[in-house]
Amino acid sequence: MVKKIAIIGGGIVGSTAAYYLARSGHTVTVFDHGVGQATRASAGIICPWFSLRRNKPWYFLVSKGAEFYHQFMQDLKDDGYNTDAIYQIDGTIMIRNTDKRVQKDLDQAEAKQEASPSIGEVKKLSTEDISDYLPLIESDHPATWVEGGGRVHGDALIDTLHQAIQDLGGKIIREKAQLKKESGDIYISTPSVAKHNFDRLLLSPGPGLTNLLEPLGYKVDIRAQKGQLFVLKHTDWIYQHWPVIMPPGQSDIIPFNNGEIIIGATHEDDQGDNLDVDEAVLHELRDEARKWMPSVDDHDIVESKVGTRAHTSDFSVLVGVVPDLDNVWAVSGLGSSGLTSGPFLGYQWAKLVETDAWDIDKEAFPIEKYIQANNAQ
């Protein structure tokens, strides 16, 4: 049965869900005014297996997300879309402060390899080995090499998904959407159309979830985290197939095969929805990157990007049915791991709409903890 699907938020979760639902023949409309979208302002490192976070539900999402990318890219290719600029696997180098930390990585890899075959080969690198993999990098510390580590270009991914959604008959409405209630029913209102109805609704607007639900009387535990990065580019860097570099700190070094190297991103918890580029913060990013890439000052910044990620107060993911709204779901709080877990979550919601079942354990993701309906109108 064809369903009328509405999705508010055209970032990685909403766009992936819309793509798969449109692919299955449903009537899909995505509402995305695009301001501050984290996905477009990001470059993601797909290498989640070595985090020290002990949050098992979070790890379930990111590990499944890393595996899902292979199916995701193949589906796009099968539909005729070029994914070369979106997702690249050239390995990841995690620079560590001690040999003991490298050994911990090796132990983790051995324990997780069966469930996560995408990890590939994992080995210790000496300081000399690191520069062999990426000549621009200098380090006095050992590192862990992860063969299956990849990278995602957020802008390229969203552009491709939005094109695919429309090619498959879906609509993207570039307007700010509001939720309204009438006679107990929820509908969507935009500046050009007063009332949009739907059979199923997914709310995936990042930090904007609060503004969507508060007018209906909900209290939402979501806050914005500002992220900034900058882009360097040189023709000598094209098609080098260099790995991602993850040093201590927030200045990850992410080379793409189009000749870009992306540096960042920041994690600023006190800026709210401020989307202004802060040159002082970018200067700090550059100072940090210089410790590992001394030539960073030899190249001009060709672009700076700013977006806002969504976080819950305990940095857990918010996912599930909005309390008291049986046909409305919400996904938010993915933080800086959104490019890893987002496609998997979007695909899972599409699967839920299609089959009434998904692989998300409701008990592991208690949405009532983050969206309280006590005052719902």
Protein backbone atom coordinates (compact mmCIF):
# COMPACT_ATOMS: atom_id res chain seq x y z
CA MET A 1 0.00 0.00 0.00
CA VAL A 2 1.38 3.39 -0.99
CA LYS A 3 1.74 5.72 1.98
CA LYS A 4 1.93 9.51 2.07
CA ILE A 5 5.21 10.25 3.86
CA ALA A 6 6.38 13.59 5.22
CA ILE A 7 9.87 14.24 6.53
CA ILE A 8 10.95 17.46 8.21
CA GLY A 9 14.70 17.81 7.90
CA GLY A 10 16.61 17.01 4.73
CA GLY A 11 19.91 16.10 6.38
CA ILE A 12 21.43 12.65 6.37
CA VAL A 13 18.70 10.84 8.32
CA GLY A 14 15.72 12.39 6.58
CA SER A 15 17.21 12.24 3.09
CA THR A 16 18.23 8.59 3.45
CA ALA A 17 14.77 7.65 4.69
CA ALA A 18 13.15 9.61 1.86
CA TYR A 19 15.39 7.99 -0.75
CA TYR A 20 14.51 4.45 0.32
CA LEU A 21 10.80 5.18 0.68
CA ALA A 22 10.62 6.90 -2.71
CA ARG A 23 12.57 3.95 -4.12
CA SER A 24 9.79 1.69 -2.82
CA GLY A 25 7.12 3.75 -4.53
CA HIS A 26 5.72 5.78 -1.66
CA THR A 27 4.67 9.42 -1.98
CA VAL A 28 7.42 11.32 -0.20
CA THR A 29 7.76 15.01 0.65
CA VAL A 30 10.84 16.40 2.39
CA PHE A 31 10.63 19.81 4.06
CA ASP A 32 14.11 21.29 4.25
CA HIS A 33 14.87 24.98 4.51
CA GLY A 34 18.56 24.01 4.78
CA VAL A 35 19.82 26.60 7.27
CA GLY A 36 22.61 25.32 9.50
CA GLN A 37 22.36 21.73 8.35
CA ALA A 38 25.17 19.75 9.95
CA THR A 39 25.49 17.22 7.11
CA ARG A 40 26.25 19.84 4.47
CA ALA A 41 28.85 21.47 6.70
CA SER A 42 30.70 18.29 7.54
CA ALA A 43 33.11 15.65 6.42
CA GLY A 44 32.63 12.41 8.27
CA ILE A 45 35.19 9.82 9.29
CA ILE A 46 33.71 6.33 9.18
CA CYS A 47 35.87 4.56 11.74
CA PRO A 48 33.74 4.09 14.87
CA TRP A 49 35.13 0.84 16.21
CA PHE A 50 37.81 2.23 18.54
CA SER A 51 35.88 4.78 20.57
CA LEU A 52 36.26 4.58 24.35
CA ARG A 53 32.57 5.43 24.84
CA ARG A 54 30.80 2.72 26.84
CA ASN A 55 27.30 3.54 25.57
CA LYS A 56 26.18 0.25 24.00
CA PRO A 57 23.12 1.62 22.14
CA TRP A 58 25.32 4.32 20.59
CA TYR A 59 27.91 1.74 19.56
CA PHE A 60 25.20 -0.44 18.05
CA LEU A 61 24.15 2.46 15.80
CA VAL A 62 27.63 3.51 14.68
CA SER A 63 28.91 -0.03 14.09
CA LYS A 64 25.80 -0.93 12.10
CA GLY A 65 26.11 2.41 10.33
CA ALA A 66 29.65 1.68 9.19
CA GLU A 67 28.58 -1.68 7.78
CA PHE A 68 25.49 -0.21 6.14
CA TYR A 69 27.52 2.22 4.00
CA HIS A 70 28.49 -0.62 1.66
CA GLN A 71 24.84 -1.42 0.89
CA PHE A 72 23.94 2.28 0.78
CA MET A 73 26.54 3.15 -1.84
CA GLN A 74 25.74 0.06 -3.88
CA ASP A 75 22.04 0.96 -3.93
CA LEU A 76 22.87 4.45 -5.20
CA LYS A 77 25.18 2.99 -7.85
CA ASP A 78 22.49 0.52 -8.93
CA ASP A 79 20.17 3.50 -9.39
CA GLY A 80 22.70 5.18 -11.66
CA TYR A 81 24.39 7.65 -9.30
CA ASN A 82 28.15 8.15 -9.10
CA THR A 83 29.30 7.76 -5.49
CA ASP A 84 33.03 8.33 -6.04
CA ALA A 85 32.91 11.82 -4.53
CA ILE A 86 30.68 10.76 -1.64
CA TYR A 87 32.32 7.82 0.09
CA GLN A 88 35.94 6.73 -0.12
CA ILE A 89 37.78 3.97 1.73
CA ASP A 90 41.51 4.65 1.85
CA GLY A 91 42.09 3.72 5.49
CA THR A 92 42.36 5.70 8.71
CA ILE A 93 45.43 6.47 10.80
CA MET A 94 44.70 7.12 14.48
CA ILE A 95 47.68 8.84 16.10
CA ARG A 96 48.02 7.69 19.71
CA ASN A 97 49.95 9.10 22.63
CA THR A 98 51.32 5.74 23.79
CA ASP A 99 52.08 2.24 22.58
CA LYS A 100 49.66 1.00 25.23
CA ARG A 101 46.80 2.85 23.54
CA VAL A 102 47.76 1.32 20.18
CA GLN A 103 47.67 -2.13 21.77
CA LYS A 104 44.18 -1.38 23.08
CA ASP A 105 43.12 -0.66 19.50
CA LEU A 106 44.56 -3.98 18.34
CA ASP A 107 42.73 -5.82 21.12
CA GLN A 108 39.45 -4.05 20.26
CA ALA A 109 39.82 -4.93 16.60
CA GLU A 110 40.30 -8.60 17.38
CA ALA A 111 37.20 -8.61 19.59
CA LYS A 112 34.99 -6.75 17.09
CA GLN A 113 36.18 -8.04 13.73
CA GLU A 114 33.63 -10.85 13.41
CA ALA A 115 30.64 -8.54 13.98
CA SER A 116 32.20 -5.71 11.97
CA PRO A 117 34.13 -7.19 9.03
CA SER A 118 34.48 -3.72 7.48
CA ILE A 119 37.27 -3.00 9.97
CA GLY A 120 39.72 -4.86 7.74
CA GLU A 121 43.39 -5.09 8.67
CA VAL A 122 44.50 -3.27 11.83
CA LYS A 123 48.17 -2.80 12.67
CA LYS A 124 50.61 -0.61 14.53
CA LEU A 125 52.48 2.13 12.64
CA SER A 126 55.78 3.65 13.68
CA THR A 127 56.37 7.38 13.33
CA GLU A 128 58.22 6.67 10.07
CA ASP A 129 55.39 4.54 8.74
CA ILE A 130 52.88 7.38 9.11
CA SER A 131 54.63 9.67 6.64
CA ASP A 132 54.85 6.79 4.16
CA TYR A 133 51.05 6.69 4.09
CA LEU A 134 50.62 10.48 3.95
CA PRO A 135 53.82 12.45 3.27
CA LEU A 136 52.36 15.73 4.57
CA ILE A 137 52.12 14.32 8.12
CA GLU A 138 54.84 14.43 10.75
CA SER A 139 54.41 12.72 14.12
CA ASP A 140 56.53 11.73 17.09
CA HIS A 141 53.82 9.34 18.25
CA PRO A 142 52.86 5.82 17.19
CA ALA A 143 49.58 5.18 15.40
CA THR A 144 47.02 2.56 14.55
CA TRP A 145 46.29 1.78 10.90
CA VAL A 146 42.69 0.75 10.12
CA GLU A 147 42.30 -0.55 6.58
CA GLY A 148 38.50 -0.20 6.51
CA GLY A 149 38.38 3.38 7.72
CA GLY A 150 36.52 5.63 5.29
CA ARG A 151 35.31 9.17 4.80
CA VAL A 152 32.08 10.81 3.68
CA HIS A 153 31.66 14.17 1.97
CA GLY A 154 28.46 15.51 3.50
CA ASP A 155 27.65 18.03 0.78
CA ALA A 156 28.12 15.52 -2.02
CA LEU A 157 25.97 12.96 -0.22
CA ILE A 158 23.05 15.32 0.35
CA ASP A 159 23.18 16.66 -3.22
CA THR A 160 23.02 13.11 -4.58
CA LEU A 161 20.22 12.01 -2.25
CA HIS A 162 18.11 15.08 -3.00
CA GLN A 163 18.52 14.47 -6.72
CA ALA A 164 17.63 10.80 -6.29
CA ILE A 165 14.54 11.59 -4.21
CA GLN A 166 13.22 13.89 -6.91
CA ASP A 167 14.16 11.51 -9.74
CA LEU A 168 12.11 8.85 -7.94
CA GLY A 169 9.07 11.12 -7.80
CA GLY A 170 9.54 12.65 -4.35
CA LYS A 171 9.30 16.35 -3.56
CA ILE A 172 11.64 18.64 -1.65
CA ILE A 173 10.02 21.79 -0.31
CA ARG A 174 12.62 24.41 0.59
CA GLU A 175 10.53 26.15 3.22
CA LYS A 176 10.43 26.24 6.97
CA ALA A 177 7.80 23.84 8.27
CA GLN A 178 5.71 24.11 11.43
CA LEU A 179 3.61 21.50 13.21
CA LYS A 180 0.05 22.42 14.08
CA LYS A 181 -2.82 20.59 15.77
CA GLU A 182 -6.47 20.62 14.80
CA SER A 183 -9.15 18.42 16.40
CA GLY A 184 -6.41 16.22 17.81
CA ASP A 185 -4.70 15.70 14.45
CA ILE A 186 -1.21 16.96 13.58
CA TYR A 187 -0.49 18.58 10.24
CA ILE A 188 2.36 20.55 8.65
CA SER A 189 2.11 24.20 7.69
CA THR A 190 4.51 26.10 5.42
CA PRO A 191 4.45 29.71 4.14
CA SER A 192 3.09 28.64 0.75
CA VAL A 193 0.66 25.90 1.84
CA ALA A 194 -1.34 26.20 5.03
CA LYS A 195 -1.95 22.50 5.54
CA HIS A 196 -0.01 19.39 4.51
CA ASN A 197 -1.42 16.04 5.64
CA PHE A 198 0.46 12.76 5.92
CA ASP A 199 0.19 9.09 6.89
CA ARG A 200 3.61 8.95 8.52
CA LEU A 201 5.90 11.76 9.64
CA LEU A 202 9.59 11.71 10.53
CA LEU A 203 11.09 14.65 12.40
CA SER A 204 14.83 14.78 11.72
CA PRO A 205 15.71 18.50 11.82
CA GLY A 206 18.69 18.26 14.19
CA PRO A 207 18.55 20.94 16.89
CA GLY A 208 15.38 22.31 15.28
CA LEU A 209 13.37 19.53 16.91
CA THR A 210 12.80 21.74 19.94
CA ASN A 211 11.22 24.53 17.90
CA LEU A 212 8.98 22.03 16.12
CA LEU A 213 7.58 20.33 19.23
CA GLU A 214 7.53 23.04 21.89
CA PRO A 215 4.50 24.85 20.32
CA LEU A 216 2.58 21.58 20.81
CA GLY A 217 3.42 21.63 24.51
CA TYR A 218 6.40 19.24 24.52
CA LYS A 219 9.58 19.67 26.48
CA VAL A 220 12.53 18.53 24.36
CA ASP A 221 16.02 17.71 25.64
CA ILE A 222 18.04 18.83 22.61
CA ARG A 223 20.70 21.48 22.33
CA ALA A 224 22.85 22.75 19.47
CA GLN A 225 26.58 22.26 19.10
CA LYS A 226 28.37 24.45 16.58
CA GLY A 227 30.90 22.85 14.29
CA GLN A 228 33.37 24.71 12.05
CA LEU A 229 35.90 23.39 9.57
CA PHE A 230 38.01 24.68 6.72
CA VAL A 231 39.10 23.35 3.34
CA LEU A 232 42.50 23.42 1.65
CA LYS A 233 43.01 22.37 -1.96
CA HIS A 234 45.93 21.61 -4.25
CA THR A 235 46.23 19.88 -7.63
CA ASP A 236 49.12 17.75 -6.32
CA TRP A 237 46.70 16.13 -3.87
CA ILE A 238 44.29 14.78 -6.49
CA TYR A 239 43.82 10.98 -6.58
CA GLN A 240 46.49 10.32 -3.99
CA HIS A 241 44.20 7.98 -2.04
CA TRP A 242 45.61 9.21 1.23
CA PRO A 243 44.09 7.95 4.49
CA VAL A 244 42.24 10.03 7.05
CA ILE A 245 44.38 11.22 9.96
CA MET A 246 42.81 11.25 13.44
CA PRO A 247 45.25 12.90 15.86
CA PRO A 248 44.49 13.80 19.47
CA GLY A 249 42.26 16.89 19.59
CA GLN A 250 39.65 18.15 17.13
CA SER A 251 41.76 18.91 14.05
CA ASP A 252 41.16 15.76 12.05
CA ILE A 253 42.86 15.80 8.65
CA ILE A 254 40.56 14.42 5.96
CA PRO A 255 41.96 14.18 2.41
CA PHE A 256 39.56 13.63 -0.49
CA ASN A 257 40.62 12.42 -3.90
CA ASN A 258 39.44 15.63 -5.60
CA GLY A 259 42.46 17.41 -4.10
CA GLU A 260 40.71 18.77 -1.00
CA ILE A 261 41.96 18.36 2.54
CA ILE A 262 39.36 19.20 5.17
CA ILE A 263 40.52 20.21 8.67
CA GLY A 264 38.17 20.02 11.64
CA ALA A 265 35.67 20.14 13.01
CA THR A 266 35.18 22.08 16.23
CA HIS A 267 32.78 21.12 19.03
CA GLU A 268 31.40 24.38 20.44
CA ASP A 269 28.67 23.92 23.05
CA ASP A 270 28.10 27.57 23.94
CA GLN A 271 27.18 29.06 20.55
CA GLY A 272 23.58 27.93 20.17
CA ASP A 273 22.45 28.36 16.56
CA ASN A 274 25.14 30.93 15.71
CA LEU A 275 26.26 30.15 12.14
CA ASP A 276 28.87 32.89 11.77
CA VAL A 277 32.38 31.82 10.82
CA ASP A 278 34.68 32.62 13.74
CA GLU A 279 38.12 33.39 12.32
CA ALA A 280 39.72 33.10 15.77
CA VAL A 281 38.38 29.56 16.16
CA LEU A 282 39.56 28.60 12.68
CA HIS A 283 42.98 29.99 13.61
CA GLU A 284 43.01 27.68 16.62
CA LEU A 285 42.06 24.75 14.39
CA ARG A 286 44.92 25.63 12.08
CA ASP A 287 47.37 25.88 14.99
CA GLU A 288 46.32 22.44 16.15
CA ALA A 289 46.59 20.94 12.66
CA ARG A 290 50.08 22.42 12.25
CA LYS A 291 51.37 20.03 14.94
CA TRP A 292 50.76 17.17 12.53
CA MET A 293 50.77 18.87 9.12
CA PRO A 294 53.47 21.57 9.20
CA SER A 295 52.71 22.66 5.63
CA VAL A 296 49.16 23.73 6.56
CA ASP A 297 50.31 27.39 6.45
CA ASP A 298 51.55 27.02 2.89
CA HIS A 299 48.02 26.80 1.57
CA ASP A 300 45.15 29.26 1.55
CA ILE A 301 41.79 28.31 3.00
CA VAL A 302 39.49 27.94 -0.01
CA GLU A 303 36.29 27.46 2.00
CA SER A 304 35.00 27.53 5.58
CA LYS A 305 31.86 25.72 6.68
CA VAL A 306 29.63 26.01 9.75
CA GLY A 307 26.79 23.78 10.91
CA THR A 308 24.99 22.83 14.09
CA ARG A 309 24.82 19.31 15.45
CA ALA A 310 22.16 18.13 17.87
CA HIS A 311 22.93 16.70 21.31
CA THR A 312 20.87 15.42 24.19
CA SER A 313 22.01 16.32 27.72
CA ASP A 314 23.68 12.92 28.19
CA PHE A 315 24.89 12.67 24.56
CA SER A 316 22.61 9.70 23.85
CA VAL A 317 20.63 9.34 20.63
CA LEU A 318 16.95 10.27 20.59
CA VAL A 319 14.93 7.92 18.38
CA GLY A 320 11.37 6.61 18.46
CA VAL A 321 7.70 7.52 18.37
CA VAL A 322 6.91 10.98 19.76
CA PRO A 323 4.85 10.39 22.92
CA ASP A 324 1.08 10.49 22.27
CA LEU A 325 1.59 10.86 18.49
CA ASP A 326 1.31 7.38 16.99
CA ASN A 327 2.21 8.35 13.43
CA VAL A 328 5.06 10.77 14.25
CA TRP A 329 8.65 9.65 14.86
CA ALA A 330 11.73 11.67 15.78
CA VAL A 331 15.45 11.13 15.31
CA SER A 332 17.96 13.59 16.77
CA GLY A 333 20.94 13.87 19.09
CA LEU A 334 23.40 12.10 16.79
CA GLY A 335 26.13 14.68 17.45
CA SER A 336 29.42 14.32 15.63
CA SER A 337 28.74 10.67 14.76
CA GLY A 338 25.74 11.59 12.62
CA LEU A 339 27.42 10.87 9.30
CA THR A 340 28.20 7.36 10.56
CA SER A 341 24.88 6.38 12.16
CA GLY A 342 22.50 8.66 10.23
CA PRO A 343 22.07 6.59 7.03
CA PHE A 344 21.43 3.43 9.05
CA LEU A 345 18.78 5.19 11.13
CA GLY A 346 17.13 6.66 8.04
CA TYR A 347 17.09 3.26 6.36
CA GLN A 348 15.68 1.64 9.48
CA TRP A 349 12.80 4.12 9.64
CA ALA A 350 12.03 3.45 5.98
CA LYS A 351 12.03 -0.26 6.80
CA LEU A 352 9.63 0.40 9.69
CA VAL A 353 7.21 2.25 7.42
CA GLU A 354 7.39 -0.57 4.88
CA THR A 355 7.20 -3.59 7.17
CA ASP A 356 6.06 -2.34 10.61
CA ALA A 357 9.35 -3.65 12.03
CA TRP A 358 12.87 -2.31 12.43
CA ASP A 359 16.10 -3.31 14.17
CA ILE A 360 15.89 -0.55 16.79
CA ASP A 361 15.27 -1.79 20.34
CA LYS A 362 12.76 0.54 21.96
CA GLU A 363 14.07 -0.35 25.42
CA ALA A 364 17.59 0.75 24.46
CA PHE A 365 16.32 4.13 23.18
CA PRO A 366 13.74 5.48 25.66
CA ILE A 367 12.51 8.53 23.78
CA GLU A 368 10.31 9.57 26.73
CA LYS A 369 13.49 10.54 28.53
CA TYR A 370 14.12 13.29 25.97
CA ILE A 371 10.65 14.27 24.77
CA GLN A 372 8.16 14.76 27.58
CA ALA A 373 4.49 15.02 26.74
CA ASN A 374 3.27 16.01 30.20
CA ASN A 375 2.08 19.39 28.95
CA ALA A 376 1.09 18.32 25.46
CA GLN A 377 -1.96 20.16 24.23
